[in-house]
């Protein structure tokens, strides 16, 4: 399988030092050093997808039980003490963030 990428603005890459895409260390991988935006030209995280994303496989996350071992029950009373020490907050999204993300109830 081959992957091809084309910049939306080819003039953006004027010399080799500007190119952030490179072959990965593992065969058949590509690495990009910077932020990637899909349907946005102003990504503010490593990957920003404005729209639906379809995944044809697993999505692994650090909280996924498949990534953990030695899972065991804890002392509930001790954990409740810790929870009472937590700082709880309410907030509103900034209007400019809410509009870009399509959030109606801020």
N, C-alpha and C. Protein backbone atom coordinates (compact mmCIF):
# COMPACT_ATOMS: atom_id res chain seq x y z
N UNK A 1 0.85 -1.17 0.00
CA UNK A 1 0.00 0.00 0.00
C UNK A 1 0.89 1.23 0.00
N UNK A 2 0.57 2.19 -0.85
CA UNK A 2 1.36 3.42 -0.94
C UNK A 2 0.49 4.59 -0.54
N UNK A 3 1.08 5.53 0.17
CA UNK A 3 0.39 6.74 0.58
C UNK A 3 1.00 7.92 -0.14
N UNK A 4 0.16 8.78 -0.69
CA UNK A 4 0.62 9.97 -1.37
C UNK A 4 0.00 11.18 -0.70
N UNK A 5 0.80 12.21 -0.48
CA UNK A 5 0.33 13.43 0.14
C UNK A 5 0.69 14.60 -0.77
N UNK A 6 -0.23 15.55 -0.90
CA UNK A 6 0.03 16.74 -1.68
C UNK A 6 -0.41 17.94 -0.85
N UNK A 7 0.45 18.92 -0.76
CA UNK A 7 0.10 20.13 -0.01
C UNK A 7 -0.97 20.88 -0.75
N UNK A 8 -1.91 21.48 -0.01
CA UNK A 8 -2.96 22.27 -0.65
C UNK A 8 -2.37 23.53 -1.28
N UNK A 9 -1.24 23.97 -0.78
CA UNK A 9 -0.55 25.13 -1.33
C UNK A 9 0.89 24.72 -1.59
N UNK A 10 1.19 24.15 -2.78
CA UNK A 10 2.53 23.64 -3.03
C UNK A 10 3.63 24.66 -2.81
N UNK A 11 3.36 25.95 -3.01
CA UNK A 11 4.37 26.98 -2.80
C UNK A 11 4.76 27.12 -1.34
N UNK A 12 3.98 26.52 -0.45
CA UNK A 12 4.24 26.60 0.98
C UNK A 12 5.59 25.97 1.33
N UNK A 13 6.00 24.93 0.60
CA UNK A 13 7.25 24.24 0.88
C UNK A 13 8.29 24.74 -0.12
N UNK A 14 9.02 25.79 0.25
CA UNK A 14 9.94 26.39 -0.70
C UNK A 14 11.31 25.75 -0.69
N UNK A 15 11.69 25.11 0.43
CA UNK A 15 12.96 24.39 0.43
C UNK A 15 12.83 23.18 1.32
N UNK A 16 13.81 22.30 1.24
CA UNK A 16 13.74 21.03 1.97
C UNK A 16 13.62 21.21 3.47
N UNK A 17 14.15 22.28 4.04
CA UNK A 17 14.10 22.46 5.49
C UNK A 17 12.68 22.77 5.96
N UNK A 18 11.79 23.20 5.05
CA UNK A 18 10.41 23.51 5.42
C UNK A 18 9.52 22.27 5.45
N UNK A 19 9.98 21.16 4.87
CA UNK A 19 9.14 19.97 4.76
C UNK A 19 9.11 19.27 6.11
N UNK A 20 7.89 19.07 6.65
CA UNK A 20 7.75 18.45 7.95
C UNK A 20 7.36 16.99 7.85
N UNK A 21 6.96 16.53 6.65
CA UNK A 21 6.61 15.12 6.45
C UNK A 21 7.90 14.35 6.22
N UNK A 22 8.00 13.16 6.80
CA UNK A 22 9.16 12.31 6.53
C UNK A 22 8.77 10.86 6.72
N UNK A 23 9.58 9.96 6.19
CA UNK A 23 9.34 8.53 6.40
C UNK A 23 9.54 8.21 7.87
N UNK A 24 8.67 7.33 8.38
CA UNK A 24 8.79 6.92 9.77
C UNK A 24 9.91 5.91 9.95
N UNK A 25 10.22 5.62 11.21
CA UNK A 25 11.28 4.65 11.51
C UNK A 25 10.82 3.23 11.26
N UNK A 26 9.50 3.01 11.30
CA UNK A 26 8.93 1.69 11.04
C UNK A 26 8.53 1.65 9.57
N UNK A 27 8.75 0.54 8.86
CA UNK A 27 8.37 0.47 7.44
C UNK A 27 6.90 0.83 7.22
N UNK A 28 6.63 1.44 6.08
CA UNK A 28 5.29 1.82 5.65
C UNK A 28 4.62 2.82 6.60
N UNK A 29 5.42 3.70 7.22
CA UNK A 29 4.86 4.76 8.06
C UNK A 29 5.37 6.11 7.57
N UNK A 30 4.60 7.13 7.90
CA UNK A 30 4.97 8.50 7.58
C UNK A 30 4.83 9.30 8.86
N UNK A 31 5.74 10.23 9.11
CA UNK A 31 5.69 11.05 10.31
C UNK A 31 5.57 12.52 9.90
N UNK A 32 4.83 13.27 10.68
CA UNK A 32 4.70 14.71 10.47
C UNK A 32 5.02 15.39 11.78
N UNK A 33 5.92 16.35 11.75
CA UNK A 33 6.33 17.04 12.97
C UNK A 33 5.66 18.42 12.98
N UNK A 34 4.54 18.49 13.64
CA UNK A 34 3.76 19.71 13.70
C UNK A 34 2.30 19.35 13.93
N UNK A 35 1.41 20.30 13.68
CA UNK A 35 -0.02 20.06 13.87
C UNK A 35 -0.67 19.74 12.53
N UNK A 36 -1.68 18.86 12.57
CA UNK A 36 -2.40 18.47 11.37
C UNK A 36 -3.85 18.87 11.52
N UNK A 37 -4.39 19.54 10.52
CA UNK A 37 -5.79 19.94 10.53
C UNK A 37 -6.51 19.33 9.35
N UNK A 38 -7.68 18.73 9.60
CA UNK A 38 -8.53 18.21 8.54
C UNK A 38 -9.79 19.06 8.56
N UNK A 39 -10.09 19.70 7.45
CA UNK A 39 -11.19 20.67 7.32
C UNK A 39 -10.99 21.90 8.20
N UNK A 40 -9.75 22.19 8.52
CA UNK A 40 -9.41 23.42 9.22
C UNK A 40 -7.98 23.79 8.84
N UNK A 41 -7.72 25.08 8.73
CA UNK A 41 -6.36 25.51 8.46
C UNK A 41 -5.70 26.10 9.71
N UNK A 42 -6.35 25.93 10.86
CA UNK A 42 -5.80 26.45 12.11
C UNK A 42 -5.90 25.42 13.23
N UNK A 43 -5.24 24.27 13.09
CA UNK A 43 -5.30 23.27 14.17
C UNK A 43 -4.58 23.78 15.41
N UNK A 44 -5.20 23.59 16.57
CA UNK A 44 -4.58 24.04 17.82
C UNK A 44 -4.15 22.87 18.70
N UNK A 45 -4.21 21.66 18.15
CA UNK A 45 -3.73 20.45 18.81
C UNK A 45 -2.95 19.64 17.78
N UNK A 46 -2.37 18.53 18.20
CA UNK A 46 -1.60 17.69 17.28
C UNK A 46 -2.43 17.25 16.08
N UNK A 47 -3.71 16.88 16.33
CA UNK A 47 -4.62 16.51 15.25
C UNK A 47 -5.98 17.09 15.54
N UNK A 48 -6.51 17.87 14.60
CA UNK A 48 -7.84 18.45 14.73
C UNK A 48 -8.65 18.03 13.52
N UNK A 49 -9.77 17.36 13.76
CA UNK A 49 -10.67 16.94 12.68
C UNK A 49 -11.97 17.70 12.86
N UNK A 50 -12.29 18.55 11.91
CA UNK A 50 -13.57 19.28 11.93
C UNK A 50 -14.52 18.54 11.00
N UNK A 51 -15.33 17.69 11.58
CA UNK A 51 -16.23 16.85 10.82
C UNK A 51 -16.22 15.45 11.41
N UNK A 52 -16.89 14.55 10.74
CA UNK A 52 -16.94 13.17 11.22
C UNK A 52 -15.65 12.43 10.88
N UNK A 53 -15.28 11.49 11.72
CA UNK A 53 -14.12 10.65 11.47
C UNK A 53 -14.59 9.20 11.46
N UNK A 54 -14.15 8.45 10.48
CA UNK A 54 -14.50 7.03 10.39
C UNK A 54 -13.24 6.23 10.66
N UNK A 55 -13.32 5.31 11.60
CA UNK A 55 -12.18 4.48 11.97
C UNK A 55 -12.50 3.04 11.61
N UNK A 56 -11.67 2.43 10.80
CA UNK A 56 -11.87 1.05 10.39
C UNK A 56 -10.89 0.17 11.16
N UNK A 57 -10.97 0.21 12.45
CA UNK A 57 -10.07 -0.54 13.31
C UNK A 57 -10.22 -0.04 14.74
N UNK A 58 -9.29 -0.36 15.59
CA UNK A 58 -9.36 0.01 16.99
C UNK A 58 -8.83 1.41 17.23
N UNK A 59 -9.37 2.07 18.22
CA UNK A 59 -8.82 3.32 18.72
C UNK A 59 -8.33 3.04 20.13
N UNK A 60 -7.04 3.16 20.33
CA UNK A 60 -6.46 2.91 21.64
C UNK A 60 -6.31 4.23 22.37
N UNK A 61 -6.59 4.22 23.64
CA UNK A 61 -6.51 5.41 24.48
C UNK A 61 -5.88 4.98 25.80
N UNK A 62 -5.14 5.86 26.48
CA UNK A 62 -4.51 5.44 27.74
C UNK A 62 -5.49 4.89 28.77
N UNK A 63 -6.77 5.27 28.69
CA UNK A 63 -7.73 4.74 29.67
C UNK A 63 -8.34 3.42 29.21
N UNK A 64 -7.96 2.93 28.04
CA UNK A 64 -8.48 1.67 27.51
C UNK A 64 -7.97 0.51 28.36
N UNK A 65 -8.86 -0.38 28.78
CA UNK A 65 -8.45 -1.51 29.63
C UNK A 65 -7.47 -2.43 28.91
N UNK A 66 -7.47 -2.42 27.57
CA UNK A 66 -6.54 -3.27 26.82
C UNK A 66 -5.09 -2.81 26.99
N UNK A 67 -4.89 -1.57 27.47
CA UNK A 67 -3.55 -1.02 27.64
C UNK A 67 -3.06 -1.14 29.08
N UNK A 68 -3.82 -1.83 29.93
CA UNK A 68 -3.51 -1.88 31.36
C UNK A 68 -3.32 -3.31 31.84
N UNK A 69 -2.63 -3.41 32.96
CA UNK A 69 -2.50 -4.70 33.63
C UNK A 69 -2.57 -4.45 35.13
N UNK A 70 -2.66 -5.50 35.91
CA UNK A 70 -2.75 -5.40 37.37
C UNK A 70 -3.93 -4.54 37.83
N UNK A 71 -5.07 -4.67 37.16
CA UNK A 71 -6.27 -3.93 37.53
C UNK A 71 -6.84 -4.56 38.79
N UNK A 72 -7.10 -3.74 39.83
CA UNK A 72 -7.58 -4.27 41.10
C UNK A 72 -8.51 -3.27 41.77
N UNK A 73 -9.35 -3.76 42.66
CA UNK A 73 -10.26 -2.92 43.42
C UNK A 73 -9.47 -2.05 44.40
N UNK A 74 -10.01 -0.88 44.73
CA UNK A 74 -9.36 0.01 45.69
C UNK A 74 -10.27 0.24 46.88
N UNK A 75 -9.72 0.80 47.95
CA UNK A 75 -10.48 1.13 49.15
C UNK A 75 -11.37 2.34 48.84
N UNK A 76 -12.68 2.11 48.78
CA UNK A 76 -13.63 3.16 48.41
C UNK A 76 -13.57 4.34 49.36
N UNK A 77 -13.48 4.09 50.66
CA UNK A 77 -13.43 5.19 51.64
C UNK A 77 -12.22 6.09 51.41
N UNK A 78 -11.10 5.49 51.13
CA UNK A 78 -9.89 6.27 50.87
C UNK A 78 -10.06 7.12 49.61
N UNK A 79 -10.67 6.55 48.58
CA UNK A 79 -10.87 7.28 47.33
C UNK A 79 -11.87 8.42 47.52
N UNK A 80 -12.91 8.21 48.34
CA UNK A 80 -13.87 9.29 48.61
C UNK A 80 -13.20 10.46 49.33
N UNK A 81 -12.25 10.18 50.21
CA UNK A 81 -11.49 11.24 50.88
C UNK A 81 -10.72 12.06 49.84
N UNK A 82 -10.13 11.38 48.88
CA UNK A 82 -9.39 12.08 47.82
C UNK A 82 -10.32 12.94 46.98
N UNK A 83 -11.51 12.42 46.68
CA UNK A 83 -12.47 13.17 45.87
C UNK A 83 -12.88 14.46 46.57
N UNK A 84 -13.07 14.40 47.89
CA UNK A 84 -13.49 15.61 48.62
C UNK A 84 -12.39 16.67 48.62
N UNK A 85 -11.18 16.30 48.29
CA UNK A 85 -10.07 17.27 48.21
C UNK A 85 -9.91 17.85 46.81
N UNK A 86 -10.70 17.34 45.86
CA UNK A 86 -10.59 17.83 44.49
C UNK A 86 -11.21 19.22 44.35
N UNK A 87 -10.69 19.98 43.41
CA UNK A 87 -11.24 21.29 43.07
C UNK A 87 -12.25 21.08 41.95
N UNK A 88 -13.52 21.37 42.20
CA UNK A 88 -14.57 21.21 41.20
C UNK A 88 -14.91 22.59 40.65
N UNK A 89 -15.11 22.68 39.34
CA UNK A 89 -15.38 23.96 38.69
C UNK A 89 -16.53 23.83 37.70
N UNK A 90 -17.16 24.95 37.40
CA UNK A 90 -18.09 25.07 36.29
C UNK A 90 -17.46 26.04 35.30
N UNK A 91 -17.84 25.96 34.04
CA UNK A 91 -17.24 26.84 33.05
C UNK A 91 -18.17 27.00 31.85
N UNK A 92 -17.90 28.04 31.07
CA UNK A 92 -18.54 28.27 29.78
C UNK A 92 -17.43 28.25 28.73
N UNK A 93 -17.74 27.68 27.57
CA UNK A 93 -16.77 27.74 26.47
C UNK A 93 -16.67 29.17 25.96
N UNK A 94 -15.48 29.56 25.53
CA UNK A 94 -15.30 30.86 24.89
C UNK A 94 -16.09 30.83 23.59
N UNK A 95 -16.78 31.93 23.25
CA UNK A 95 -17.64 31.94 22.04
C UNK A 95 -16.89 31.56 20.77
N UNK A 96 -15.64 32.03 20.60
CA UNK A 96 -14.90 31.73 19.38
C UNK A 96 -14.58 30.24 19.28
N UNK A 97 -14.32 29.57 20.41
CA UNK A 97 -14.07 28.12 20.41
C UNK A 97 -15.36 27.38 20.11
N UNK A 98 -16.46 27.78 20.76
CA UNK A 98 -17.73 27.10 20.57
C UNK A 98 -18.18 27.19 19.11
N UNK A 99 -18.02 28.34 18.49
CA UNK A 99 -18.48 28.48 17.11
C UNK A 99 -17.64 27.63 16.16
N UNK A 100 -16.34 27.57 16.36
CA UNK A 100 -15.48 26.76 15.50
C UNK A 100 -15.77 25.27 15.67
N UNK A 101 -16.08 24.85 16.90
CA UNK A 101 -16.32 23.44 17.18
C UNK A 101 -17.78 23.04 16.97
N UNK A 102 -18.65 23.99 16.65
CA UNK A 102 -20.05 23.69 16.43
C UNK A 102 -20.80 23.39 17.71
N UNK A 103 -20.35 23.95 18.83
CA UNK A 103 -21.00 23.73 20.12
C UNK A 103 -22.08 24.79 20.28
N UNK A 104 -23.31 24.34 20.46
CA UNK A 104 -24.43 25.27 20.61
C UNK A 104 -24.62 25.71 22.07
N UNK A 105 -24.59 24.74 23.00
CA UNK A 105 -24.81 25.03 24.41
C UNK A 105 -23.46 25.22 25.07
N UNK A 106 -23.08 26.49 25.28
CA UNK A 106 -21.74 26.77 25.82
C UNK A 106 -21.71 26.72 27.32
